[in-house]
Amino acid sequence: MRTTLNIEDSLLEKAAKLTGVTEKTSLVRLGLQALIARESAKRLAGLGGTERELKKIPRRRIEDI
């Protein structure tokens, strides 16, 4: 899908320097993927401890292996 975006040049330059990626389309794609990953992690963390009937999960110790 084609979309026209107005993005600050300084923001694109900084992203290109940090990632080594110079193609604008790739930078935007990587940025969106990072945003989705971050927000998904936040949502998952927000669910932590909400399952009240969850049984304790047995853990292995190095001595048991």
PDB file of N, CA and C in Angstrom:
ATOM      1  N   MET A   1       0.846  -1.165   0.000  1.00  0.00           N
ATOM      2  CA  MET A   1       0.000   0.000   0.000  1.00  0.00           C
ATOM      3  C   MET A   1       0.896   1.233   0.000  1.00  0.00           C
ATOM      4  N   ARG A   2       0.574   2.164  -0.825  1.00  0.00           N
ATOM      5  CA  ARG A   2       1.341   3.405  -0.893  1.00  0.00           C
ATOM      6  C   ARG A   2       0.720   4.427   0.050  1.00  0.00           C
ATOM      7  N   THR A   3       1.579   5.125   0.769  1.00  0.00           N
ATOM      8  CA  THR A   3       1.143   6.161   1.701  1.00  0.00           C
ATOM      9  C   THR A   3       2.145   7.296   1.651  1.00  0.00           C
ATOM     10  N   THR A   4       1.643   8.506   1.714  1.00  0.00           N
ATOM     11  CA  THR A   4       2.521   9.672   1.774  1.00  0.00           C
ATOM     12  C   THR A   4       2.677  10.071   3.232  1.00  0.00           C
ATOM     13  N   LEU A   5       3.922  10.208   3.667  1.00  0.00           N
ATOM     14  CA  LEU A   5       4.206  10.560   5.054  1.00  0.00           C
ATOM     15  C   LEU A   5       5.069  11.806   5.113  1.00  0.00           C
ATOM     16  N   ASN A   6       4.848  12.615   6.110  1.00  0.00           N
ATOM     17  CA  ASN A   6       5.712  13.762   6.389  1.00  0.00           C
ATOM     18  C   ASN A   6       6.494  13.439   7.656  1.00  0.00           C
ATOM     19  N   ILE A   7       7.762  13.132   7.467  1.00  0.00           N
ATOM     20  CA  ILE A   7       8.626  12.747   8.581  1.00  0.00           C
ATOM     21  C   ILE A   7       9.791  13.723   8.636  1.00  0.00           C
ATOM     22  N   GLU A   8      10.108  14.170   9.837  1.00  0.00           N
ATOM     23  CA  GLU A   8      11.210  15.114  10.017  1.00  0.00           C
ATOM     24  C   GLU A   8      12.512  14.514   9.485  1.00  0.00           C
ATOM     25  N   ASP A   9      13.256  15.303   8.727  1.00  0.00           N
ATOM     26  CA  ASP A   9      14.533  14.843   8.175  1.00  0.00           C
ATOM     27  C   ASP A   9      15.493  14.414   9.276  1.00  0.00           C
ATOM     28  N   SER A  10      15.508  15.164  10.374  1.00  0.00           N
ATOM     29  CA  SER A  10      16.434  14.836  11.464  1.00  0.00           C
ATOM     30  C   SER A  10      16.106  13.474  12.074  1.00  0.00           C
ATOM     31  N   LEU A  11      14.829  13.134  12.119  1.00  0.00           N
ATOM     32  CA  LEU A  11      14.412  11.843  12.664  1.00  0.00           C
ATOM     33  C   LEU A  11      14.875  10.703  11.754  1.00  0.00           C
ATOM     34  N   LEU A  12      14.713  10.883  10.455  1.00  0.00           N
ATOM     35  CA  LEU A  12      15.176   9.876   9.500  1.00  0.00           C
ATOM     36  C   LEU A  12      16.694   9.740   9.532  1.00  0.00           C
ATOM     37  N   GLU A  13      17.392  10.857   9.621  1.00  0.00           N
ATOM     38  CA  GLU A  13      18.854  10.829   9.665  1.00  0.00           C
ATOM     39  C   GLU A  13      19.356  10.089  10.900  1.00  0.00           C
ATOM     40  N   LYS A  14      18.745  10.370  12.037  1.00  0.00           N
ATOM     41  CA  LYS A  14      19.161   9.714  13.282  1.00  0.00           C
ATOM     42  C   LYS A  14      18.897   8.213  13.217  1.00  0.00           C
ATOM     43  N   ALA A  15      17.735   7.840  12.683  1.00  0.00           N
ATOM     44  CA  ALA A  15      17.406   6.417  12.542  1.00  0.00           C
ATOM     45  C   ALA A  15      18.379   5.723  11.598  1.00  0.00           C
ATOM     46  N   ALA A  16      18.741   6.398  10.513  1.00  0.00           N
ATOM     47  CA  ALA A  16      19.681   5.824   9.547  1.00  0.00           C
ATOM     48  C   ALA A  16      21.060   5.638  10.175  1.00  0.00           C
ATOM     49  N   LYS A  17      21.503   6.603  10.965  1.00  0.00           N
ATOM     50  CA  LYS A  17      22.806   6.496  11.624  1.00  0.00           C
ATOM     51  C   LYS A  17      22.818   5.359  12.640  1.00  0.00           C
ATOM     52  N   LEU A  18      21.736   5.222  13.395  1.00  0.00           N
ATOM     53  CA  LEU A  18      21.671   4.195  14.430  1.00  0.00           C
ATOM     54  C   LEU A  18      21.568   2.788  13.855  1.00  0.00           C
ATOM     55  N   THR A  19      20.848   2.646  12.745  1.00  0.00           N
ATOM     56  CA  THR A  19      20.599   1.315  12.196  1.00  0.00           C
ATOM     57  C   THR A  19      21.506   0.945  11.035  1.00  0.00           C
ATOM     58  N   GLY A  20      22.039   1.941  10.359  1.00  0.00           N
ATOM     59  CA  GLY A  20      22.816   1.671   9.155  1.00  0.00           C
ATOM     60  C   GLY A  20      21.942   1.473   7.927  1.00  0.00           C
ATOM     61  N   VAL A  21      20.631   1.600   8.104  1.00  0.00           N
ATOM     62  CA  VAL A  21      19.675   1.454   7.003  1.00  0.00           C
ATOM     63  C   VAL A  21      19.417   2.836   6.427  1.00  0.00           C
ATOM     64  N   THR A  22      19.590   2.988   5.126  1.00  0.00           N
ATOM     65  CA  THR A  22      19.421   4.311   4.524  1.00  0.00           C
ATOM     66  C   THR A  22      18.144   4.434   3.699  1.00  0.00           C
ATOM     67  N   GLU A  23      17.541   3.320   3.324  1.00  0.00           N
ATOM     68  CA  GLU A  23      16.311   3.364   2.531  1.00  0.00           C
ATOM     69  C   GLU A  23      15.143   3.773   3.427  1.00  0.00           C
ATOM     70  N   LYS A  24      14.432   4.814   3.030  1.00  0.00           N
ATOM     71  CA  LYS A  24      13.359   5.368   3.861  1.00  0.00           C
ATOM     72  C   LYS A  24      12.246   4.361   4.120  1.00  0.00           C
ATOM     73  N   THR A  25      11.865   3.615   3.095  1.00  0.00           N
ATOM     74  CA  THR A  25      10.799   2.626   3.267  1.00  0.00           C
ATOM     75  C   THR A  25      11.188   1.588   4.313  1.00  0.00           C
ATOM     76  N   SER A  26      12.423   1.142   4.270  1.00  0.00           N
ATOM     77  CA  SER A  26      12.899   0.153   5.241  1.00  0.00           C
ATOM     78  C   SER A  26      12.937   0.730   6.646  1.00  0.00           C
ATOM     79  N   LEU A  27      13.344   1.987   6.760  1.00  0.00           N
ATOM     80  CA  LEU A  27      13.372   2.635   8.075  1.00  0.00           C
ATOM     81  C   LEU A  27      11.974   2.722   8.679  1.00  0.00           C
ATOM     82  N   VAL A  28      11.006   3.100   7.865  1.00  0.00           N
ATOM     83  CA  VAL A  28       9.625   3.204   8.360  1.00  0.00           C
ATOM     84  C   VAL A  28       9.113   1.823   8.747  1.00  0.00           C
ATOM     85  N   ARG A  29       9.385   0.813   7.921  1.00  0.00           N
ATOM     86  CA  ARG A  29       8.949  -0.551   8.216  1.00  0.00           C
ATOM     87  C   ARG A  29       9.567  -1.033   9.529  1.00  0.00           C
ATOM     88  N   LEU A  30      10.870  -0.824   9.699  1.00  0.00           N
ATOM     89  CA  LEU A  30      11.542  -1.235  10.935  1.00  0.00           C
ATOM     90  C   LEU A  30      10.982  -0.496  12.146  1.00  0.00           C
ATOM     91  N   GLY A  31      10.700   0.781  11.971  1.00  0.00           N
ATOM     92  CA  GLY A  31      10.129   1.564  13.062  1.00  0.00           C
ATOM     93  C   GLY A  31       8.763   1.054  13.477  1.00  0.00           C
ATOM     94  N   LEU A  32       7.933   0.726  12.494  1.00  0.00           N
ATOM     95  CA  LEU A  32       6.604   0.192  12.802  1.00  0.00           C
ATOM     96  C   LEU A  32       6.704  -1.176  13.470  1.00  0.00           C
ATOM     97  N   GLN A  33       7.615  -2.008  12.999  1.00  0.00           N
ATOM     98  CA  GLN A  33       7.805  -3.320  13.626  1.00  0.00           C
ATOM     99  C   GLN A  33       8.271  -3.179  15.070  1.00  0.00           C
ATOM    100  N   ALA A  34       9.166  -2.236  15.327  1.00  0.00           N
ATOM    101  CA  ALA A  34       9.651  -2.005  16.694  1.00  0.00           C
ATOM    102  C   ALA A  34       8.525  -1.494  17.587  1.00  0.00           C
ATOM    103  N   LEU A  35       7.698  -0.609  17.054  1.00  0.00           N
ATOM    104  CA  LEU A  35       6.564  -0.080  17.815  1.00  0.00           C
ATOM    105  C   LEU A  35       5.579  -1.192  18.156  1.00  0.00           C
ATOM    106  N   ILE A  36       5.278  -2.039  17.188  1.00  0.00           N
ATOM    107  CA  ILE A  36       4.354  -3.150  17.423  1.00  0.00           C
ATOM    108  C   ILE A  36       4.922  -4.102  18.472  1.00  0.00           C
ATOM    109  N   ALA A  37       6.202  -4.417  18.383  1.00  0.00           N
ATOM    110  CA  ALA A  37       6.832  -5.318  19.357  1.00  0.00           C
ATOM    111  C   ALA A  37       6.791  -4.722  20.757  1.00  0.00           C
ATOM    112  N   ARG A  38       7.093  -3.433  20.872  1.00  0.00           N
ATOM    113  CA  ARG A  38       7.104  -2.775  22.180  1.00  0.00           C
ATOM    114  C   ARG A  38       5.709  -2.755  22.789  1.00  0.00           C
ATOM    115  N   GLU A  39       4.715  -2.382  22.004  1.00  0.00           N
ATOM    116  CA  GLU A  39       3.357  -2.302  22.533  1.00  0.00           C
ATOM    117  C   GLU A  39       2.801  -3.687  22.853  1.00  0.00           C
ATOM    118  N   SER A  40       3.169  -4.697  22.064  1.00  0.00           N
ATOM    119  CA  SER A  40       2.745  -6.067  22.356  1.00  0.00           C
ATOM    120  C   SER A  40       3.356  -6.547  23.665  1.00  0.00           C
ATOM    121  N   ALA A  41       4.615  -6.203  23.899  1.00  0.00           N
ATOM    122  CA  ALA A  41       5.281  -6.580  25.147  1.00  0.00           C
ATOM    123  C   ALA A  41       4.624  -5.895  26.341  1.00  0.00           C
ATOM    124  N   LYS A  42       4.255  -4.633  26.171  1.00  0.00           N
ATOM    125  CA  LYS A  42       3.563  -3.917  27.253  1.00  0.00           C
ATOM    126  C   LYS A  42       2.237  -4.588  27.573  1.00  0.00           C
ATOM    127  N   ARG A  43       1.509  -4.952  26.527  1.00  0.00           N
ATOM    128  CA  ARG A  43       0.209  -5.595  26.728  1.00  0.00           C
ATOM    129  C   ARG A  43       0.381  -6.936  27.427  1.00  0.00           C
ATOM    130  N   LEU A  44       1.378  -7.702  27.010  1.00  0.00           N
ATOM    131  CA  LEU A  44       1.637  -8.994  27.630  1.00  0.00           C
ATOM    132  C   LEU A  44       2.041  -8.828  29.094  1.00  0.00           C
ATOM    133  N   ALA A  45       2.883  -7.847  29.380  1.00  0.00           N
ATOM    134  CA  ALA A  45       3.302  -7.587  30.760  1.00  0.00           C
ATOM    135  C   ALA A  45       2.115  -7.171  31.620  1.00  0.00           C
ATOM    136  N   GLY A  46       1.181  -6.447  31.023  1.00  0.00           N
ATOM    137  CA  GLY A  46      -0.009  -6.023  31.755  1.00  0.00           C
ATOM    138  C   GLY A  46      -0.902  -7.185  32.147  1.00  0.00           C
ATOM    139  N   LEU A  47      -0.775  -8.303  31.443  1.00  0.00           N
ATOM    140  CA  LEU A  47      -1.571  -9.486  31.761  1.00  0.00           C
ATOM    141  C   LEU A  47      -0.945 -10.320  32.869  1.00  0.00           C
ATOM    142  N   GLY A  48       0.294 -10.037  33.218  1.00  0.00           N
ATOM    143  CA  GLY A  48       1.028 -10.832  34.201  1.00  0.00           C
ATOM    144  C   GLY A  48       0.279 -11.000  35.503  1.00  0.00           C
ATOM    145  N   GLY A  49       0.156 -12.261  35.911  1.00  0.00           N
ATOM    146  CA  GLY A  49      -0.458 -12.553  37.195  1.00  0.00           C
ATOM    147  C   GLY A  49      -1.967 -12.485  37.217  1.00  0.00           C
ATOM    148  N   THR A  50      -2.615 -12.472  36.066  1.00  0.00           N
ATOM    149  CA  THR A  50      -4.066 -12.343  36.079  1.00  0.00           C
ATOM    150  C   THR A  50      -4.781 -13.687  36.078  1.00  0.00           C
ATOM    151  N   GLU A  51      -4.071 -14.787  35.863  1.00  0.00           N
ATOM    152  CA  GLU A  51      -4.688 -16.112  35.857  1.00  0.00           C
ATOM    153  C   GLU A  51      -4.639 -16.668  37.271  1.00  0.00           C
ATOM    154  N   ARG A  52      -5.746 -16.581  37.981  1.00  0.00           N
ATOM    155  CA  ARG A  52      -5.765 -16.950  39.404  1.00  0.00           C
ATOM    156  C   ARG A  52      -5.759 -18.455  39.633  1.00  0.00           C
ATOM    157  N   GLU A  53      -6.280 -19.233  38.690  1.00  0.00           N
ATOM    158  CA  GLU A  53      -6.370 -20.676  38.883  1.00  0.00           C
ATOM    159  C   GLU A  53      -5.200 -21.428  38.257  1.00  0.00           C
ATOM    160  N   LEU A  54      -4.179 -20.735  37.847  1.00  0.00           N
ATOM    161  CA  LEU A  54      -3.013 -21.359  37.235  1.00  0.00           C
ATOM    162  C   LEU A  54      -2.223 -22.114  38.296  1.00  0.00           C
ATOM    163  N   LYS A  55      -1.924 -23.381  37.997  1.00  0.00           N
ATOM    164  CA  LYS A  55      -1.144 -24.194  38.931  1.00  0.00           C
ATOM    165  C   LYS A  55       0.320 -23.808  38.826  1.00  0.00           C
ATOM    166  N   LYS A  56       1.041 -24.023  39.903  1.00  0.00           N
ATOM    167  CA  LYS A  56       2.477 -23.732  39.906  1.00  0.00           C
ATOM    168  C   LYS A  56       3.166 -24.615  38.869  1.00  0.00           C
ATOM    169  N   ILE A  57       4.065 -24.014  38.133  1.00  0.00           N
ATOM    170  CA  ILE A  57       4.793 -24.740  37.104  1.00  0.00           C
ATOM    171  C   ILE A  57       6.075 -25.288  37.716  1.00  0.00           C
ATOM    172  N   PRO A  58       6.289 -26.614  37.621  1.00  0.00           N
ATOM    173  CA  PRO A  58       7.515 -27.170  38.198  1.00  0.00           C
ATOM    174  C   PRO A  58       8.739 -26.664  37.441  1.00  0.00           C
ATOM    175  N   ARG A  59       9.760 -26.341  38.168  1.00  0.00           N
ATOM    176  CA  ARG A  59      11.000 -25.836  37.581  1.00  0.00           C
ATOM    177  C   ARG A  59      12.100 -26.867  37.777  1.00  0.00           C
ATOM    178  N   ARG A  60      12.962 -26.972  36.806  1.00  0.00           N
ATOM    179  CA  ARG A  60      14.115 -27.858  36.937  1.00  0.00           C
ATOM    180  C   ARG A  60      15.294 -27.068  37.461  1.00  0.00           C
ATOM    181  N   ARG A  61      16.059 -27.718  38.255  1.00  0.00           N
ATOM    182  CA  ARG A  61      17.307 -27.120  38.714  1.00  0.00           C
ATOM    183  C   ARG A  61      18.445 -27.832  38.009  1.00  0.00           C
ATOM    184  N   ILE A  62      19.572 -27.210  37.959  1.00  0.00           N
ATOM    185  CA  ILE A  62      20.718 -27.791  37.258  1.00  0.00           C
ATOM    186  C   ILE A  62      21.086 -29.143  37.864  1.00  0.00           C
ATOM    187  N   GLU A  63      20.917 -29.307  39.179  1.00  0.00           N
ATOM    188  CA  GLU A  63      21.245 -30.573  39.833  1.00  0.00           C
ATOM    189  C   GLU A  63      20.323 -31.690  39.359  1.00  0.00           C
ATOM    190  N   ASP A  64      19.088 -31.351  38.929  1.00  0.00           N
ATOM    191  CA  ASP A  64      18.111 -32.353  38.507  1.00  0.00           C
ATOM    192  C   ASP A  64      18.401 -32.891  37.108  1.00  0.00           C
ATOM    193  N   ILE A  65      19.244 -32.237  36.363  1.00  0.00           N
ATOM    194  CA  ILE A  65      19.473 -32.633  34.964  1.00  0.00           C
ATOM    195  C   ILE A  65      20.552 -33.672  34.860  1.00  0.00           C
TER     196      ILE A  65
END
